[in-house]
Amino acid sequence: MELAEKVSAVNDWSESTIKKLNQVLVRFLVKCEYLENTRADSLLPVYLYPELETVIHEKGDNAALAAFNCLN
């Protein structure tokens, strides 16, 4: 689902606003080491402490496990 479908005000944003938001988001993801660089098109793997992974498995929170690519 597109953001504009959830928040109608998004339809009023200019192309330059959308471009700037994209730039800021990408820089943020690079700085936080979720992207290797600003040209990357896929997220880097996120390290999940084994103890935390165990607890998430025990609770059966598949959505959280999927977010960390830990559905094994």
PDB file of N, CA and C in Angstrom:
ATOM      1  N   MET A   1       0.846  -1.175   0.000  1.00  0.00           N
ATOM      2  CA  MET A   1       0.000   0.000   0.000  1.00  0.00           C
ATOM      3  C   MET A   1       0.895   1.242   0.000  1.00  0.00           C
ATOM      4  N   GLU A   2       0.592   2.148  -0.855  1.00  0.00           N
ATOM      5  CA  GLU A   2       1.332   3.398  -0.958  1.00  0.00           C
ATOM      6  C   GLU A   2       0.961   4.329   0.195  1.00  0.00           C
ATOM      7  N   LEU A   3       1.927   5.154   0.610  1.00  0.00           N
ATOM      8  CA  LEU A   3       1.674   6.106   1.685  1.00  0.00           C
ATOM      9  C   LEU A   3       0.527   7.047   1.328  1.00  0.00           C
ATOM     10  N   ALA A   4       0.455   7.455   0.071  1.00  0.00           N
ATOM     11  CA  ALA A   4      -0.610   8.371  -0.357  1.00  0.00           C
ATOM     12  C   ALA A   4      -1.993   7.768  -0.169  1.00  0.00           C
ATOM     13  N   GLU A   5      -2.086   6.438  -0.181  1.00  0.00           N
ATOM     14  CA  GLU A   5      -3.377   5.788   0.049  1.00  0.00           C
ATOM     15  C   GLU A   5      -3.774   5.854   1.516  1.00  0.00           C
ATOM     16  N   LYS A   6      -2.779   5.960   2.387  1.00  0.00           N
ATOM     17  CA  LYS A   6      -3.055   6.032   3.824  1.00  0.00           C
ATOM     18  C   LYS A   6      -3.204   7.470   4.312  1.00  0.00           C
ATOM     19  N   VAL A   7      -2.393   8.360   3.748  1.00  0.00           N
ATOM     20  CA  VAL A   7      -2.368   9.758   4.191  1.00  0.00           C
ATOM     21  C   VAL A   7      -2.599  10.643   2.979  1.00  0.00           C
ATOM     22  N   SER A   8      -3.779  11.185   2.861  1.00  0.00           N
ATOM     23  CA  SER A   8      -4.138  11.942   1.661  1.00  0.00           C
ATOM     24  C   SER A   8      -3.288  13.190   1.466  1.00  0.00           C
ATOM     25  N   ALA A   9      -2.738  13.763   2.519  1.00  0.00           N
ATOM     26  CA  ALA A   9      -1.912  14.975   2.405  1.00  0.00           C
ATOM     27  C   ALA A   9      -0.671  14.732   1.557  1.00  0.00           C
ATOM     28  N   VAL A  10      -0.239  13.488   1.446  1.00  0.00           N
ATOM     29  CA  VAL A  10       0.940  13.151   0.647  1.00  0.00           C
ATOM     30  C   VAL A  10       0.727  13.548  -0.812  1.00  0.00           C
ATOM     31  N   ASN A  11      -0.501  13.492  -1.270  1.00  0.00           N
ATOM     32  CA  ASN A  11      -0.800  13.863  -2.653  1.00  0.00           C
ATOM     33  C   ASN A  11      -0.476  15.320  -2.949  1.00  0.00           C
ATOM     34  N   ASP A  12      -0.389  16.151  -1.912  1.00  0.00           N
ATOM     35  CA  ASP A  12      -0.095  17.567  -2.087  1.00  0.00           C
ATOM     36  C   ASP A  12       1.409  17.859  -2.076  1.00  0.00           C
ATOM     37  N   TRP A  13       2.228  16.864  -1.764  1.00  0.00           N
ATOM     38  CA  TRP A  13       3.674  17.081  -1.721  1.00  0.00           C
ATOM     39  C   TRP A  13       4.217  17.278  -3.124  1.00  0.00           C
ATOM     40  N   SER A  14       5.180  18.180  -3.240  1.00  0.00           N
ATOM     41  CA  SER A  14       5.820  18.412  -4.538  1.00  0.00           C
ATOM     42  C   SER A  14       6.839  17.303  -4.815  1.00  0.00           C
ATOM     43  N   GLU A  15       7.222  17.182  -6.069  1.00  0.00           N
ATOM     44  CA  GLU A  15       8.243  16.187  -6.444  1.00  0.00           C
ATOM     45  C   GLU A  15       9.549  16.463  -5.712  1.00  0.00           C
ATOM     46  N   SER A  16       9.890  17.744  -5.521  1.00  0.00           N
ATOM     47  CA  SER A  16      11.139  18.077  -4.825  1.00  0.00           C
ATOM     48  C   SER A  16      11.080  17.662  -3.354  1.00  0.00           C
ATOM     49  N   THR A  17       9.915  17.761  -2.732  1.00  0.00           N
ATOM     50  CA  THR A  17       9.755  17.312  -1.346  1.00  0.00           C
ATOM     51  C   THR A  17       9.956  15.808  -1.249  1.00  0.00           C
ATOM     52  N   ILE A  18       9.356  15.078  -2.150  1.00  0.00           N
ATOM     53  CA  ILE A  18       9.485  13.618  -2.149  1.00  0.00           C
ATOM     54  C   ILE A  18      10.936  13.213  -2.394  1.00  0.00           C
ATOM     55  N   LYS A  19      11.593  13.891  -3.327  1.00  0.00           N
ATOM     56  CA  LYS A  19      13.001  13.596  -3.624  1.00  0.00           C
ATOM     57  C   LYS A  19      13.869  13.865  -2.393  1.00  0.00           C
ATOM     58  N   LYS A  20      13.639  14.988  -1.715  1.00  0.00           N
ATOM     59  CA  LYS A  20      14.425  15.342  -0.529  1.00  0.00           C
ATOM     60  C   LYS A  20      14.189  14.341   0.595  1.00  0.00           C
ATOM     61  N   LEU A  21      12.951  13.931   0.809  1.00  0.00           N
ATOM     62  CA  LEU A  21      12.657  12.933   1.835  1.00  0.00           C
ATOM     63  C   LEU A  21      13.380  11.623   1.536  1.00  0.00           C
ATOM     64  N   ASN A  22      13.410  11.235   0.274  1.00  0.00           N
ATOM     65  CA  ASN A  22      14.120  10.027  -0.128  1.00  0.00           C
ATOM     66  C   ASN A  22      15.613  10.154   0.163  1.00  0.00           C
ATOM     67  N   GLN A  23      16.199  11.293  -0.163  1.00  0.00           N
ATOM     68  CA  GLN A  23      17.623  11.519   0.103  1.00  0.00           C
ATOM     69  C   GLN A  23      17.929  11.427   1.596  1.00  0.00           C
ATOM     70  N   VAL A  24      17.093  12.056   2.402  1.00  0.00           N
ATOM     71  CA  VAL A  24      17.297  12.048   3.856  1.00  0.00           C
ATOM     72  C   VAL A  24      17.175  10.628   4.405  1.00  0.00           C
ATOM     73  N   LEU A  25      16.172   9.902   3.945  1.00  0.00           N
ATOM     74  CA  LEU A  25      15.975   8.532   4.408  1.00  0.00           C
ATOM     75  C   LEU A  25      17.161   7.650   4.025  1.00  0.00           C
ATOM     76  N   VAL A  26      17.624   7.764   2.798  1.00  0.00           N
ATOM     77  CA  VAL A  26      18.755   6.953   2.348  1.00  0.00           C
ATOM     78  C   VAL A  26      20.011   7.296   3.145  1.00  0.00           C
ATOM     79  N   ARG A  27      20.277   8.583   3.361  1.00  0.00           N
ATOM     80  CA  ARG A  27      21.450   8.973   4.166  1.00  0.00           C
ATOM     81  C   ARG A  27      21.351   8.416   5.584  1.00  0.00           C
ATOM     82  N   PHE A  28      20.153   8.458   6.152  1.00  0.00           N
ATOM     83  CA  PHE A  28      19.932   7.909   7.481  1.00  0.00           C
ATOM     84  C   PHE A  28      20.246   6.408   7.511  1.00  0.00           C
ATOM     85  N   LEU A  29      19.751   5.675   6.522  1.00  0.00           N
ATOM     86  CA  LEU A  29      19.984   4.232   6.470  1.00  0.00           C
ATOM     87  C   LEU A  29      21.461   3.897   6.276  1.00  0.00           C
ATOM     88  N   VAL A  30      22.178   4.709   5.517  1.00  0.00           N
ATOM     89  CA  VAL A  30      23.622   4.505   5.345  1.00  0.00           C
ATOM     90  C   VAL A  30      24.333   4.785   6.664  1.00  0.00           C
ATOM     91  N   LYS A  31      24.004   5.888   7.304  1.00  0.00           N
ATOM     92  CA  LYS A  31      24.655   6.268   8.565  1.00  0.00           C
ATOM     93  C   LYS A  31      24.426   5.213   9.647  1.00  0.00           C
ATOM     94  N   CYS A  32      23.257   4.607   9.650  1.00  0.00           N
ATOM     95  CA  CYS A  32      22.930   3.578  10.647  1.00  0.00           C
ATOM     96  C   CYS A  32      23.382   2.183  10.208  1.00  0.00           C
ATOM     97  N   GLU A  33      24.064   2.118   9.061  1.00  0.00           N
ATOM     98  CA  GLU A  33      24.628   0.887   8.515  1.00  0.00           C
ATOM     99  C   GLU A  33      23.580  -0.157   8.127  1.00  0.00           C
ATOM    100  N   TYR A  34      22.420   0.321   7.685  1.00  0.00           N
ATOM    101  CA  TYR A  34      21.411  -0.574   7.124  1.00  0.00           C
ATOM    102  C   TYR A  34      21.565  -0.682   5.611  1.00  0.00           C
ATOM    103  N   LEU A  35      22.230   0.328   5.013  1.00  0.00           N
ATOM    104  CA  LEU A  35      22.593   0.311   3.603  1.00  0.00           C
ATOM    105  C   LEU A  35      24.102   0.470   3.509  1.00  0.00           C
ATOM    106  N   GLU A  36      24.708  -0.192   2.537  1.00  0.00           N
ATOM    107  CA  GLU A  36      26.158  -0.109   2.375  1.00  0.00           C
ATOM    108  C   GLU A  36      26.585   1.268   1.875  1.00  0.00           C
ATOM    109  N   ASN A  37      25.800   1.835   0.967  1.00  0.00           N
ATOM    110  CA  ASN A  37      26.085   3.167   0.437  1.00  0.00           C
ATOM    111  C   ASN A  37      24.790   3.749  -0.125  1.00  0.00           C
ATOM    112  N   THR A  38      24.872   4.980  -0.612  1.00  0.00           N
ATOM    113  CA  THR A  38      23.656   5.654  -1.076  1.00  0.00           C
ATOM    114  C   THR A  38      23.107   5.071  -2.372  1.00  0.00           C
ATOM    115  N   ARG A  39      23.886   4.250  -3.054  1.00  0.00           N
ATOM    116  CA  ARG A  39      23.414   3.638  -4.303  1.00  0.00           C
ATOM    117  C   ARG A  39      22.917   2.203  -4.110  1.00  0.00           C
ATOM    118  N   ALA A  40      23.044   1.692  -2.898  1.00  0.00           N
ATOM    119  CA  ALA A  40      22.628   0.311  -2.624  1.00  0.00           C
ATOM    120  C   ALA A  40      21.119   0.173  -2.806  1.00  0.00           C
ATOM    121  N   ASP A  41      20.704  -1.010  -3.266  1.00  0.00           N
ATOM    122  CA  ASP A  41      19.271  -1.233  -3.457  1.00  0.00           C
ATOM    123  C   ASP A  41      18.717  -2.337  -2.566  1.00  0.00           C
ATOM    124  N   SER A  42      19.536  -2.803  -1.619  1.00  0.00           N
ATOM    125  CA  SER A  42      19.032  -3.788  -0.659  1.00  0.00           C
ATOM    126  C   SER A  42      19.649  -3.525   0.711  1.00  0.00           C
ATOM    127  N   LEU A  43      18.880  -3.856   1.727  1.00  0.00           N
ATOM    128  CA  LEU A  43      19.329  -3.637   3.100  1.00  0.00           C
ATOM    129  C   LEU A  43      20.381  -4.666   3.504  1.00  0.00           C
ATOM    130  N   LEU A  44      21.299  -4.243   4.362  1.00  0.00           N
ATOM    131  CA  LEU A  44      22.288  -5.154   4.915  1.00  0.00           C
ATOM    132  C   LEU A  44      21.635  -6.000   6.010  1.00  0.00           C
ATOM    133  N   PRO A  45      22.174  -7.188   6.268  1.00  0.00           N
ATOM    134  CA  PRO A  45      21.615  -8.006   7.349  1.00  0.00           C
ATOM    135  C   PRO A  45      21.777  -7.296   8.701  1.00  0.00           C
ATOM    136  N   VAL A  46      20.808  -7.486   9.545  1.00  0.00           N
ATOM    137  CA  VAL A  46      20.836  -6.885  10.880  1.00  0.00           C
ATOM    138  C   VAL A  46      21.221  -7.964  11.881  1.00  0.00           C
ATOM    139  N   TYR A  47      22.215  -7.657  12.735  1.00  0.00           N
ATOM    140  CA  TYR A  47      22.637  -8.628  13.748  1.00  0.00           C
ATOM    141  C   TYR A  47      21.611  -8.653  14.867  1.00  0.00           C
ATOM    142  N   LEU A  48      21.213  -9.835  15.238  1.00  0.00           N
ATOM    143  CA  LEU A  48      20.267 -10.030  16.325  1.00  0.00           C
ATOM    144  C   LEU A  48      20.952 -10.871  17.390  1.00  0.00           C
ATOM    145  N   TYR A  49      21.042 -10.341  18.598  1.00  0.00           N
ATOM    146  CA  TYR A  49      21.679 -11.091  19.677  1.00  0.00           C
ATOM    147  C   TYR A  49      20.983 -12.443  19.829  1.00  0.00           C
ATOM    148  N   PRO A  50      21.765 -13.518  19.985  1.00  0.00           N
ATOM    149  CA  PRO A  50      21.173 -14.857  20.081  1.00  0.00           C
ATOM    150  C   PRO A  50      20.147 -14.979  21.206  1.00  0.00           C
ATOM    151  N   GLU A  51      20.410 -14.324  22.335  1.00  0.00           N
ATOM    152  CA  GLU A  51      19.466 -14.387  23.454  1.00  0.00           C
ATOM    153  C   GLU A  51      18.119 -13.778  23.067  1.00  0.00           C
ATOM    154  N   LEU A  52      18.171 -12.673  22.350  1.00  0.00           N
ATOM    155  CA  LEU A  52      16.940 -12.019  21.909  1.00  0.00           C
ATOM    156  C   LEU A  52      16.216 -12.878  20.880  1.00  0.00           C
ATOM    157  N   GLU A  53      16.962 -13.478  19.973  1.00  0.00           N
ATOM    158  CA  GLU A  53      16.350 -14.359  18.979  1.00  0.00           C
ATOM    159  C   GLU A  53      15.639 -15.529  19.656  1.00  0.00           C
ATOM    160  N   THR A  54      16.263 -16.086  20.688  1.00  0.00           N
ATOM    161  CA  THR A  54      15.667 -17.204  21.427  1.00  0.00           C
ATOM    162  C   THR A  54      14.334 -16.796  22.044  1.00  0.00           C
ATOM    163  N   VAL A  55      14.304 -15.638  22.677  1.00  0.00           N
ATOM    164  CA  VAL A  55      13.079 -15.162  23.323  1.00  0.00           C
ATOM    165  C   VAL A  55      11.986 -14.928  22.283  1.00  0.00           C
ATOM    166  N   ILE A  56      12.357 -14.331  21.147  1.00  0.00           N
ATOM    167  CA  ILE A  56      11.368 -14.076  20.096  1.00  0.00           C
ATOM    168  C   ILE A  56      10.816 -15.394  19.556  1.00  0.00           C
ATOM    169  N   HIS A  57      11.704 -16.396  19.386  1.00  0.00           N
ATOM    170  CA  HIS A  57      11.253 -17.726  18.954  1.00  0.00           C
ATOM    171  C   HIS A  57      10.283 -18.314  19.975  1.00  0.00           C
ATOM    172  N   GLU A  58      10.637 -18.224  21.258  1.00  0.00           N
ATOM    173  CA  GLU A  58       9.792 -18.777  22.321  1.00  0.00           C
ATOM    174  C   GLU A  58       8.413 -18.130  22.338  1.00  0.00           C
ATOM    175  N   LYS A  59       8.350 -16.839  22.049  1.00  0.00           N
ATOM    176  CA  LYS A  59       7.076 -16.127  22.039  1.00  0.00           C
ATOM    177  C   LYS A  59       6.306 -16.333  20.737  1.00  0.00           C
ATOM    178  N   GLY A  60       6.975 -16.931  19.743  1.00  0.00           N
ATOM    179  CA  GLY A  60       6.316 -17.203  18.470  1.00  0.00           C
ATOM    180  C   GLY A  60       6.003 -15.958  17.666  1.00  0.00           C
ATOM    181  N   ASP A  61       6.800 -14.922  17.822  1.00  0.00           N
ATOM    182  CA  ASP A  61       6.563 -13.661  17.111  1.00  0.00           C
ATOM    183  C   ASP A  61       7.195 -13.721  15.727  1.00  0.00           C
ATOM    184  N   ASN A  62       6.488 -14.342  14.793  1.00  0.00           N
ATOM    185  CA  ASN A  62       7.018 -14.532  13.446  1.00  0.00           C
ATOM    186  C   ASN A  62       7.228 -13.221  12.704  1.00  0.00           C
ATOM    187  N   ALA A  63       6.429 -12.213  12.987  1.00  0.00           N
ATOM    188  CA  ALA A  63       6.617 -10.920  12.324  1.00  0.00           C
ATOM    189  C   ALA A  63       7.963 -10.323  12.707  1.00  0.00           C
ATOM    190  N   ALA A  64       8.324 -10.413  13.981  1.00  0.00           N
ATOM    191  CA  ALA A  64       9.625  -9.893  14.422  1.00  0.00           C
ATOM    192  C   ALA A  64      10.753 -10.715  13.822  1.00  0.00           C
ATOM    193  N   LEU A  65      10.592 -12.019  13.785  1.00  0.00           N
ATOM    194  CA  LEU A  65      11.631 -12.879  13.207  1.00  0.00           C
ATOM    195  C   LEU A  65      11.825 -12.582  11.732  1.00  0.00           C
ATOM    196  N   ALA A  66      10.743 -12.356  11.024  1.00  0.00           N
ATOM    197  CA  ALA A  66      10.841 -12.039   9.603  1.00  0.00           C
ATOM    198  C   ALA A  66      11.585 -10.716   9.396  1.00  0.00           C
ATOM    199  N   ALA A  67      11.368  -9.760  10.279  1.00  0.00           N
ATOM    200  CA  ALA A  67      12.038  -8.467  10.163  1.00  0.00           C
ATOM    201  C   ALA A  67      13.549  -8.617  10.286  1.00  0.00           C
ATOM    202  N   PHE A  68      13.993  -9.606  11.033  1.00  0.00           N
ATOM    203  CA  PHE A  68      15.423  -9.857  11.207  1.00  0.00           C
ATOM    204  C   PHE A  68      15.920 -11.015  10.347  1.00  0.00           C
ATOM    205  N   ASN A  69      15.075 -11.488   9.445  1.00  0.00           N
ATOM    206  CA  ASN A  69      15.429 -12.596   8.557  1.00  0.00           C
ATOM    207  C   ASN A  69      15.849 -13.835   9.351  1.00  0.00           C
ATOM    208  N   CYS A  70      15.081 -14.159  10.381  1.00  0.00           N
ATOM    209  CA  CYS A  70      15.416 -15.271  11.280  1.00  0.00           C
ATOM    210  C   CYS A  70      14.286 -16.299  11.364  1.00  0.00           C
ATOM    211  N   LEU A  71      13.753 -16.703  10.258  1.00  0.00           N
ATOM    212  CA  LEU A  71      12.647 -17.653  10.275  1.00  0.00           C
ATOM    213  C   LEU A  71      13.116 -19.094  10.089  1.00  0.00           C
ATOM    214  N   ASN A  72      14.201 -19.465  10.720  1.00  0.00           N
ATOM    215  CA  ASN A  72      14.685 -20.847  10.589  1.00  0.00           C
ATOM    216  C   ASN A  72      14.363 -21.646  11.809  1.00  0.00           C
TER     217      ASN A  72
END
